[in-house]
Amino acid sequence: MIDDIKWLWKRCVLIFLILLTAAAAIILRKKLPLASRPLPAAGQGISSVLVKSYEGRIEREGEVMDFPAETSPEPAYWQIPQARDCLISEEEREELQERALSAAKSVSGMNGSSGERVAAQLGKAGLVSAAEGGDMHNHEWIEKFYADYLKGQDSMVTVFEIRQDGELGAVNFICREGEIQTYYIGIRWKEDGAPKVQGTSVSDVAEMKLTEKGYFIYAFETVLAHGSLRQYWRIRPLSKECQRLTEKYISGLSYVNYNMLVTDWDSGNVEDILMPCMFEDIYRIHTGEVFQAKDGRIPAEEYEKIMTAYFPVSAGQLRENCRYDEDSKSYAYEMLHARQYPPFGEVVDYKENGDGTVTLTVDGVWPDYNSDYAFTNRLVIKPSADGTFRYLSNHIEEKELEIPRISR
């Protein structure tokens, strides 16, 4: 009899707990709008949530979400860190979506145009806009938003970003009562060319800053696994000449895979930077193509022709330092491996010297570590009339961060 009573008591307690859990879930679902409801975490402690989408339905772990009927879910939306609560109302979110759709309609006839042309068209309408890798238009609105934030005032600004995958993203920055969020609206186009909202997401922003050089850098409260530590835009562009010099002489060079940019060197100690793995980047700068090794080797003739053209080195120095094999008359190919959160260089000034050389002032930009002035290079190059050039020397100084150390 006592055992029966104990069994009945345990059963009643279990039923009560189940009902209590269900009631809490119902209350929570009523309290939070769809745009704020979290799904169960999907690995690495990161919530995989598509906050809101349209025209189709899918159920995941008991949560019903919407997706365009003719497309599969966008992986990016399932990976963006999501906020539990939204700082703006449902009415405000709908208004922002309508504004984003209106902006998209104004450029619907530009299918096939470059992202920079689309950004320029949006900029003419007074909108803050930028293509990936391009200049930002009307960046003054971001400066005003940041000034409001520093004063403790509520503020909002929208940045339209034309992504390389064709999506038009409206990134709405919201500052209210000292808290910051982004409300992202992703827009794509239907078969008839009409824009549609593909999805939205709400994310808490942990910190942000606007640097003197013009970088707007911010970090989400929850960092995406394997993603960037911080997001950024260069809102005030470099001069056209500095952009040209950066593209020609600096883009594609690494601060973390070899010593070329992180060591002081010239013709007297050039051996200090000779590492087999650097050939891949120099080959791409020379040809504009990605290098394809044959059987893991590089013919000596090709290797030495390119390297002696770009650096003050001899074939003998290369053979001594870059794993030359006499039997096969070739060099070992060392593939460059992607590094997480690497810095990149940009030319911020230059000086034409009397001997025909040019000294480039290059700032190391490291947004993931909150710096656009991590270190500064003085890189001397010798351009030729035919458009080719040679790197002659480098000097680097630490500024806001320590210089990366590369092991040979």
Protein backbone atom coordinates (compact mmCIF):
# COMPACT_ATOMS: atom_id res chain seq x y z
CA MET A 1 0.00 0.00 0.00
CA ILE A 2 2.79 2.41 0.96
CA ASP A 3 4.63 1.57 -2.27
CA ASP A 4 1.48 2.34 -4.27
CA ILE A 5 1.14 5.73 -2.56
CA LYS A 6 4.80 6.55 -3.29
CA TRP A 7 4.35 5.57 -6.94
CA LEU A 8 1.20 7.72 -7.23
CA TRP A 9 2.96 10.68 -5.58
CA LYS A 10 5.90 10.49 -7.97
CA ARG A 11 3.52 10.29 -10.93
CA CYS A 12 1.59 13.38 -9.78
CA VAL A 13 4.81 15.34 -9.29
CA LEU A 14 6.00 14.33 -12.77
CA ILE A 15 2.68 15.40 -14.36
CA PHE A 16 2.81 18.71 -12.46
CA LEU A 17 6.34 19.43 -13.74
CA ILE A 18 5.36 18.63 -17.30
CA LEU A 19 2.34 20.96 -17.12
CA LEU A 20 4.46 23.68 -15.52
CA THR A 21 7.05 23.45 -18.29
CA ALA A 22 4.38 23.56 -20.99
CA ALA A 23 2.72 26.58 -19.38
CA ALA A 24 6.04 28.41 -19.19
CA ALA A 25 6.69 27.70 -22.86
CA ILE A 26 3.25 29.05 -23.84
CA ILE A 27 3.77 32.20 -21.76
CA LEU A 28 7.21 32.73 -23.27
CA ARG A 29 5.91 32.32 -26.81
CA LYS A 30 3.14 34.84 -26.13
CA LYS A 31 5.52 37.27 -24.46
CA LEU A 32 8.19 37.24 -27.18
CA PRO A 33 7.36 38.13 -30.78
CA LEU A 34 8.50 35.72 -33.46
CA ALA A 35 11.43 37.98 -34.26
CA SER A 36 12.81 37.40 -30.77
CA ARG A 37 12.22 33.72 -30.10
CA PRO A 38 15.35 31.60 -29.81
CA LEU A 39 15.68 28.07 -31.12
CA PRO A 40 17.77 25.44 -29.34
CA ALA A 41 21.49 26.03 -29.71
CA ALA A 42 23.10 24.35 -32.69
CA GLY A 43 26.62 23.46 -31.74
CA GLN A 44 29.46 25.44 -30.13
CA GLY A 45 26.95 27.28 -27.94
CA ILE A 46 25.78 29.45 -30.87
CA SER A 47 22.05 29.81 -31.51
CA SER A 48 21.15 28.88 -35.07
CA VAL A 49 18.12 31.04 -35.69
CA LEU A 50 16.39 32.49 -38.70
CA VAL A 51 14.42 35.12 -36.87
CA LYS A 52 11.73 35.69 -39.48
CA SER A 53 11.16 34.71 -43.09
CA TYR A 54 8.35 34.45 -45.57
CA GLU A 55 6.23 32.49 -48.09
CA GLY A 56 6.93 28.98 -46.86
CA ARG A 57 7.07 27.04 -43.59
CA ILE A 58 9.47 24.69 -41.97
CA GLU A 59 9.44 23.15 -38.50
CA ARG A 60 12.67 22.65 -36.53
CA GLU A 61 12.76 21.34 -33.00
CA GLY A 62 9.10 22.26 -32.57
CA GLU A 63 9.60 25.86 -33.80
CA VAL A 64 7.73 26.79 -36.96
CA MET A 65 9.69 29.14 -39.22
CA ASP A 66 8.99 30.58 -42.66
CA PHE A 67 11.08 30.26 -45.82
CA PRO A 68 10.59 31.23 -49.45
CA ALA A 69 8.77 28.33 -51.07
CA GLU A 70 11.05 28.25 -54.12
CA THR A 71 14.37 28.35 -52.25
CA SER A 72 16.14 26.53 -49.46
CA PRO A 73 16.98 28.28 -46.17
CA GLU A 74 19.94 30.65 -46.34
CA PRO A 75 22.74 29.20 -44.18
CA ALA A 76 23.88 32.71 -43.16
CA TYR A 77 20.61 33.39 -41.36
CA TRP A 78 20.92 30.19 -39.37
CA GLN A 79 24.36 31.20 -38.14
CA ILE A 80 23.95 34.87 -37.16
CA PRO A 81 24.00 35.30 -33.34
CA GLN A 82 20.51 36.28 -32.24
CA ALA A 83 19.19 38.54 -29.48
CA ARG A 84 16.45 37.28 -27.19
CA ASP A 85 14.64 40.64 -27.12
CA CYS A 86 14.38 43.34 -29.76
CA LEU A 87 14.85 47.03 -28.94
CA ILE A 88 12.30 48.15 -31.52
CA SER A 89 8.61 47.33 -31.86
CA GLU A 90 6.94 45.12 -34.44
CA GLU A 91 5.56 48.25 -36.10
CA GLU A 92 9.05 49.73 -36.38
CA ARG A 93 10.41 46.51 -37.84
CA GLU A 94 7.66 46.47 -40.46
CA GLU A 95 8.38 50.10 -41.30
CA LEU A 96 12.12 49.33 -41.75
CA GLN A 97 11.24 46.41 -44.01
CA GLU A 98 9.04 48.65 -46.16
CA ARG A 99 11.83 51.20 -46.44
CA ALA A 100 14.29 48.46 -47.41
CA LEU A 101 11.91 47.13 -50.07
CA SER A 102 11.42 50.65 -51.41
CA ALA A 103 15.18 51.10 -51.70
CA ALA A 104 15.45 47.72 -53.44
CA LYS A 105 12.72 48.66 -55.91
CA SER A 106 14.68 51.80 -56.87
CA VAL A 107 17.55 49.60 -58.13
CA SER A 108 15.54 46.64 -59.43
CA GLY A 109 16.34 47.59 -63.01
CA MET A 110 20.09 47.37 -62.37
CA ASN A 111 20.35 43.57 -62.44
CA GLY A 112 23.73 42.65 -63.83
CA SER A 113 25.30 45.94 -62.75
CA SER A 114 28.31 45.97 -60.46
CA GLY A 115 27.76 46.28 -56.73
CA GLU A 116 29.55 49.61 -56.73
CA ARG A 117 27.13 51.04 -59.33
CA VAL A 118 24.14 49.87 -57.30
CA ALA A 119 25.64 51.38 -54.12
CA ALA A 120 26.24 54.66 -55.98
CA GLN A 121 22.59 54.74 -57.13
CA LEU A 122 21.38 54.21 -53.56
CA GLY A 123 23.80 56.88 -52.44
CA LYS A 124 22.29 59.40 -54.87
CA ALA A 125 18.98 58.84 -53.08
CA GLY A 126 20.64 59.91 -49.82
CA LEU A 127 21.00 56.42 -48.38
CA VAL A 128 24.07 55.08 -46.59
CA SER A 129 25.30 52.38 -48.96
CA ALA A 130 28.37 50.36 -49.87
CA ALA A 131 29.33 47.41 -52.01
CA GLU A 132 31.63 44.78 -50.54
CA GLY A 133 35.12 46.18 -50.93
CA GLY A 134 33.85 49.51 -52.28
CA ASP A 135 33.55 53.06 -50.97
CA MET A 136 30.71 54.01 -48.66
CA HIS A 137 28.22 56.70 -49.65
CA ASN A 138 26.73 59.18 -47.16
CA HIS A 139 28.88 57.95 -44.30
CA GLU A 140 28.09 61.15 -42.38
CA TRP A 141 24.95 59.45 -41.04
CA ILE A 142 27.07 56.80 -39.33
CA GLU A 143 29.20 59.54 -37.79
CA LYS A 144 26.04 61.22 -36.47
CA PHE A 145 24.76 57.90 -35.08
CA TYR A 146 28.07 57.32 -33.31
CA ALA A 147 28.09 60.86 -31.92
CA ASP A 148 24.56 60.29 -30.55
CA TYR A 149 25.73 57.04 -28.97
CA LEU A 150 28.66 58.78 -27.24
CA LYS A 151 26.22 61.37 -25.84
CA GLY A 152 23.92 58.65 -24.53
CA GLN A 153 21.13 59.60 -26.94
CA ASP A 154 18.79 57.17 -28.68
CA SER A 155 19.57 56.90 -32.38
CA MET A 156 19.24 54.72 -35.45
CA VAL A 157 20.98 54.44 -38.83
CA THR A 158 20.57 52.06 -41.78
CA VAL A 159 23.44 50.87 -43.97
CA PHE A 160 22.58 49.23 -47.29
CA GLU A 161 25.25 46.71 -48.28
CA ILE A 162 25.36 45.09 -51.72
CA ARG A 163 26.82 41.65 -51.17
CA GLN A 164 28.76 39.65 -53.72
CA ASP A 165 26.16 36.86 -53.61
CA GLY A 166 23.55 39.30 -54.95
CA GLU A 167 21.72 39.97 -51.72
CA LEU A 168 20.90 43.52 -50.67
CA GLY A 169 21.34 43.75 -46.92
CA ALA A 170 19.83 46.54 -44.84
CA VAL A 171 21.80 46.69 -41.58
CA ASN A 172 19.89 48.81 -39.09
CA PHE A 173 21.90 49.96 -36.07
CA ILE A 174 19.72 50.80 -33.08
CA CYS A 175 20.85 52.53 -29.89
CA ARG A 176 18.27 52.78 -27.12
CA GLU A 177 18.81 53.44 -23.43
CA GLY A 178 22.50 52.57 -23.74
CA GLU A 179 21.91 49.23 -25.51
CA ILE A 180 22.91 48.54 -29.12
CA GLN A 181 21.49 46.06 -31.62
CA THR A 182 21.51 45.37 -35.31
CA TYR A 183 18.29 44.52 -37.11
CA TYR A 184 19.30 42.94 -40.40
CA ILE A 185 16.95 42.69 -43.39
CA GLY A 186 18.07 40.51 -46.28
CA ILE A 187 16.46 41.21 -49.65
CA ARG A 188 16.57 39.11 -52.81
CA TRP A 189 14.64 39.22 -56.06
CA LYS A 190 11.86 37.05 -57.41
CA GLU A 191 11.91 35.65 -60.95
CA ASP A 192 9.91 38.64 -62.17
CA GLY A 193 12.50 41.03 -60.73
CA ALA A 194 10.42 42.20 -57.78
CA PRO A 195 12.30 42.44 -54.45
CA LYS A 196 11.26 40.34 -51.48
CA VAL A 197 12.37 40.13 -47.88
CA GLN A 198 14.32 36.89 -47.60
CA GLY A 199 14.79 37.05 -43.85
CA THR A 200 15.58 39.18 -40.83
CA SER A 201 17.69 38.84 -37.72
CA VAL A 202 18.24 40.70 -34.45
CA SER A 203 21.67 40.70 -32.80
CA ASP A 204 23.04 42.35 -29.68
CA VAL A 205 26.14 44.49 -30.19
CA ALA A 206 28.69 44.29 -27.38
CA GLU A 207 30.88 47.21 -28.46
CA MET A 208 31.56 49.56 -31.32
CA LYS A 209 33.93 52.38 -32.17
CA LEU A 210 34.61 54.85 -34.97
CA THR A 211 38.34 55.39 -35.47
CA GLU A 212 40.07 58.61 -36.48
CA LYS A 213 41.00 57.00 -39.82
CA GLY A 214 37.36 56.25 -40.53
CA TYR A 215 36.86 52.60 -39.64
CA PHE A 216 33.54 51.68 -38.01
CA ILE A 217 34.26 48.49 -36.03
CA TYR A 218 31.73 46.59 -33.95
CA ALA A 219 31.42 43.23 -32.19
CA PHE A 220 28.37 41.08 -31.58
CA GLU A 221 27.57 39.99 -28.03
CA THR A 222 27.77 36.38 -29.19
CA VAL A 223 30.66 35.59 -31.51
CA LEU A 224 29.88 33.13 -34.28
CA ALA A 225 31.96 29.97 -34.13
CA HIS A 226 34.71 30.14 -36.76
CA GLY A 227 33.56 33.65 -37.69
CA SER A 228 35.17 37.05 -37.33
CA LEU A 229 35.62 38.52 -33.88
CA ARG A 230 34.45 41.90 -35.16
CA GLN A 231 32.67 43.36 -38.17
CA TYR A 232 33.77 46.57 -39.87
CA TRP A 233 33.41 49.09 -42.66
CA ARG A 234 35.87 51.71 -43.80
CA ILE A 235 33.34 54.52 -43.95
CA ARG A 236 35.76 57.28 -45.05
CA PRO A 237 37.53 56.01 -48.17
CA LEU A 238 41.21 56.13 -49.01
CA SER A 239 42.26 58.48 -51.79
CA LYS A 240 41.98 56.99 -55.27
CA GLU A 241 45.78 56.93 -55.60
CA CYS A 242 46.24 55.13 -52.27
CA GLN A 243 43.58 52.63 -53.34
CA ARG A 244 45.45 52.05 -56.62
CA LEU A 245 48.79 51.58 -54.86
CA THR A 246 47.22 49.21 -52.33
CA GLU A 247 45.67 47.09 -55.06
CA LYS A 248 48.86 46.91 -57.13
CA TYR A 249 51.53 46.43 -54.48
CA ILE A 250 49.95 45.31 -51.18
CA SER A 251 46.71 43.37 -51.71
CA GLY A 252 47.31 39.65 -51.33
CA LEU A 253 50.46 39.92 -49.22
CA SER A 254 50.32 38.24 -45.81
CA TYR A 255 51.38 39.42 -42.37
CA VAL A 256 51.01 35.97 -40.82
CA ASN A 257 52.36 33.37 -43.26
CA TYR A 258 55.87 34.64 -44.03
CA ASN A 259 58.32 37.35 -42.96
CA MET A 260 58.19 39.78 -45.87
CA LEU A 261 56.02 42.41 -44.09
CA VAL A 262 56.93 41.71 -40.44
CA THR A 263 60.75 41.87 -40.69
CA ASP A 264 63.15 44.73 -41.38
CA TRP A 265 65.07 43.74 -44.49
CA ASP A 266 66.88 45.00 -47.58
CA SER A 267 69.31 43.51 -50.10
CA GLY A 268 71.84 42.92 -47.32
CA ASN A 269 69.68 40.47 -45.35
CA VAL A 270 67.00 39.47 -47.84
CA GLU A 271 67.62 35.80 -46.94
CA ASP A 272 65.69 36.48 -43.72
CA ILE A 273 62.41 36.65 -45.62
CA LEU A 274 62.94 33.80 -48.08
CA MET A 275 60.39 31.13 -47.28
CA PRO A 276 58.98 28.64 -49.80
CA CYS A 277 55.35 29.44 -48.94
CA MET A 278 55.62 33.09 -50.07
CA PHE A 279 55.90 32.06 -53.74
CA GLU A 280 52.17 31.40 -53.98
CA ASP A 281 51.25 35.04 -53.22
CA ILE A 282 54.02 36.50 -55.42
CA TYR A 283 52.91 34.26 -58.29
CA ARG A 284 49.34 35.56 -57.94
CA ILE A 285 50.55 39.17 -57.93
CA HIS A 286 52.65 38.45 -61.03
CA THR A 287 50.07 36.52 -63.07
CA GLY A 288 46.72 37.37 -61.52
CA GLU A 289 46.04 33.63 -61.22
CA VAL A 290 46.10 31.03 -58.47
CA PHE A 291 49.17 28.83 -58.61
CA GLN A 292 48.64 25.14 -59.42
CA ALA A 293 51.54 22.90 -58.38
CA LYS A 294 52.39 19.73 -60.28
CA ASP A 295 53.19 16.79 -58.01
CA GLY A 296 54.00 19.19 -55.20
CA ARG A 297 56.96 20.75 -57.03
CA ILE A 298 57.68 24.05 -58.81
CA PRO A 299 60.07 24.04 -61.78
CA ALA A 300 63.23 25.96 -60.86
CA GLU A 301 63.13 28.05 -64.02
CA GLU A 302 59.67 29.40 -63.19
CA TYR A 303 60.38 29.87 -59.48
CA GLU A 304 63.65 31.70 -59.98
CA LYS A 305 62.37 33.87 -62.82
CA ILE A 306 59.53 35.25 -60.69
CA MET A 307 61.34 35.57 -57.37
CA THR A 308 64.46 37.27 -58.77
CA ALA A 309 62.21 39.70 -60.64
CA TYR A 310 60.35 40.76 -57.49
CA PHE A 311 63.16 40.72 -54.91
CA PRO A 312 66.88 41.63 -54.80
CA VAL A 313 67.90 37.95 -54.63
CA SER A 314 70.00 35.59 -56.71
CA ALA A 315 69.16 32.07 -57.81
CA GLY A 316 71.86 30.84 -55.43
CA GLN A 317 70.16 32.48 -52.45
CA LEU A 318 66.84 30.96 -53.43
CA ARG A 319 68.34 27.49 -53.78
CA GLU A 320 69.93 27.74 -50.36
CA ASN A 321 66.81 28.95 -48.52
CA CYS A 322 63.74 27.65 -50.37
CA ARG A 323 64.10 23.87 -50.44
CA TYR A 324 65.60 23.43 -53.89
CA ASP A 325 66.07 19.87 -55.19
CA GLU A 326 69.01 19.42 -57.57
CA ASP A 327 67.87 16.05 -58.96
CA SER A 328 64.47 17.31 -60.16
CA LYS A 329 65.60 20.92 -60.76
CA SER A 330 62.59 22.10 -58.79
CA TYR A 331 61.46 23.69 -55.53
CA ALA A 332 59.11 22.25 -52.93
CA TYR A 333 55.64 23.72 -53.02
CA GLU A 334 54.33 24.83 -49.64
CA MET A 335 50.64 25.67 -49.66
CA LEU A 336 49.53 28.72 -47.73
CA HIS A 337 47.02 27.88 -45.02
CA ALA A 338 44.21 30.25 -44.12
CA ARG A 339 44.69 31.92 -40.75
CA GLN A 340 41.82 33.12 -38.63
CA TYR A 341 41.61 36.88 -38.00
CA PRO A 342 44.61 37.99 -40.11
CA PRO A 343 45.50 41.68 -40.52
CA PHE A 344 45.75 43.32 -43.93
CA GLY A 345 47.70 46.29 -45.26
CA GLU A 346 46.56 49.50 -46.93
CA VAL A 347 48.67 52.29 -48.39
CA VAL A 348 47.91 55.53 -46.53
CA ASP A 349 50.73 57.65 -47.97
CA TYR A 350 53.60 57.46 -50.45
CA LYS A 351 56.78 59.32 -51.45
CA GLU A 352 58.42 59.32 -54.86
CA ASN A 353 62.21 59.25 -54.34
CA GLY A 354 64.83 60.82 -56.57
CA ASP A 355 66.29 57.45 -57.59
CA GLY A 356 63.07 56.24 -59.18
CA THR A 357 61.93 54.25 -56.14
CA VAL A 358 58.72 54.83 -54.20
CA THR A 359 58.33 54.53 -50.43
CA LEU A 360 54.89 53.29 -49.47
CA THR A 361 53.52 53.99 -46.00
CA VAL A 362 51.37 50.98 -45.20
CA ASP A 363 49.15 50.64 -42.14
CA GLY A 364 48.39 47.15 -40.87
CA VAL A 365 44.63 47.01 -40.28
CA TRP A 366 43.48 44.36 -37.79
CA PRO A 367 39.73 44.85 -37.25
CA ASP A 368 39.30 41.58 -35.36
CA TYR A 369 41.55 43.05 -32.68
CA ASN A 370 39.87 46.47 -32.85
CA SER A 371 42.68 48.29 -34.63
CA ASP A 372 43.14 50.06 -37.96
CA TYR A 373 46.65 51.16 -36.97
CA ALA A 374 48.20 47.97 -35.61
CA PHE A 375 51.63 48.62 -37.15
CA THR A 376 53.13 50.72 -39.94
CA ASN A 377 55.40 49.61 -42.79
CA ARG A 378 57.76 51.65 -44.91
CA LEU A 379 57.96 49.47 -48.00
CA VAL A 380 60.28 50.59 -50.81
CA ILE A 381 59.48 49.48 -54.36
CA LYS A 382 61.06 50.12 -57.77
CA PRO A 383 58.42 50.45 -60.53
CA SER A 384 59.41 49.84 -64.16
CA ALA A 385 58.08 51.49 -67.29
CA ASP A 386 56.46 48.23 -68.43
CA GLY A 387 54.28 48.05 -65.30
CA THR A 388 56.37 45.47 -63.45
CA PHE A 389 58.08 46.30 -60.17
CA ARG A 390 60.44 45.00 -57.49
CA TYR A 391 60.23 45.05 -53.69
CA LEU A 392 63.53 46.46 -52.37
CA SER A 393 63.19 46.79 -48.58
CA ASN A 394 60.80 46.94 -45.64
CA HIS A 395 60.78 48.57 -42.21
CA ILE A 396 57.99 47.94 -39.70
CA GLU A 397 57.07 49.69 -36.46
CA GLU A 398 54.65 48.55 -33.78
CA LYS A 399 51.78 50.96 -33.15
CA GLU A 400 48.64 49.69 -31.41
CA LEU A 401 49.46 45.95 -31.50
CA GLU A 402 52.45 43.64 -31.43
CA ILE A 403 53.96 42.59 -34.74
CA PRO A 404 53.12 38.94 -35.63
CA ARG A 405 56.05 36.57 -35.20
CA ILE A 406 56.57 34.03 -37.97
CA SER A 407 58.52 30.83 -37.34
CA ARG A 408 60.63 29.67 -40.25
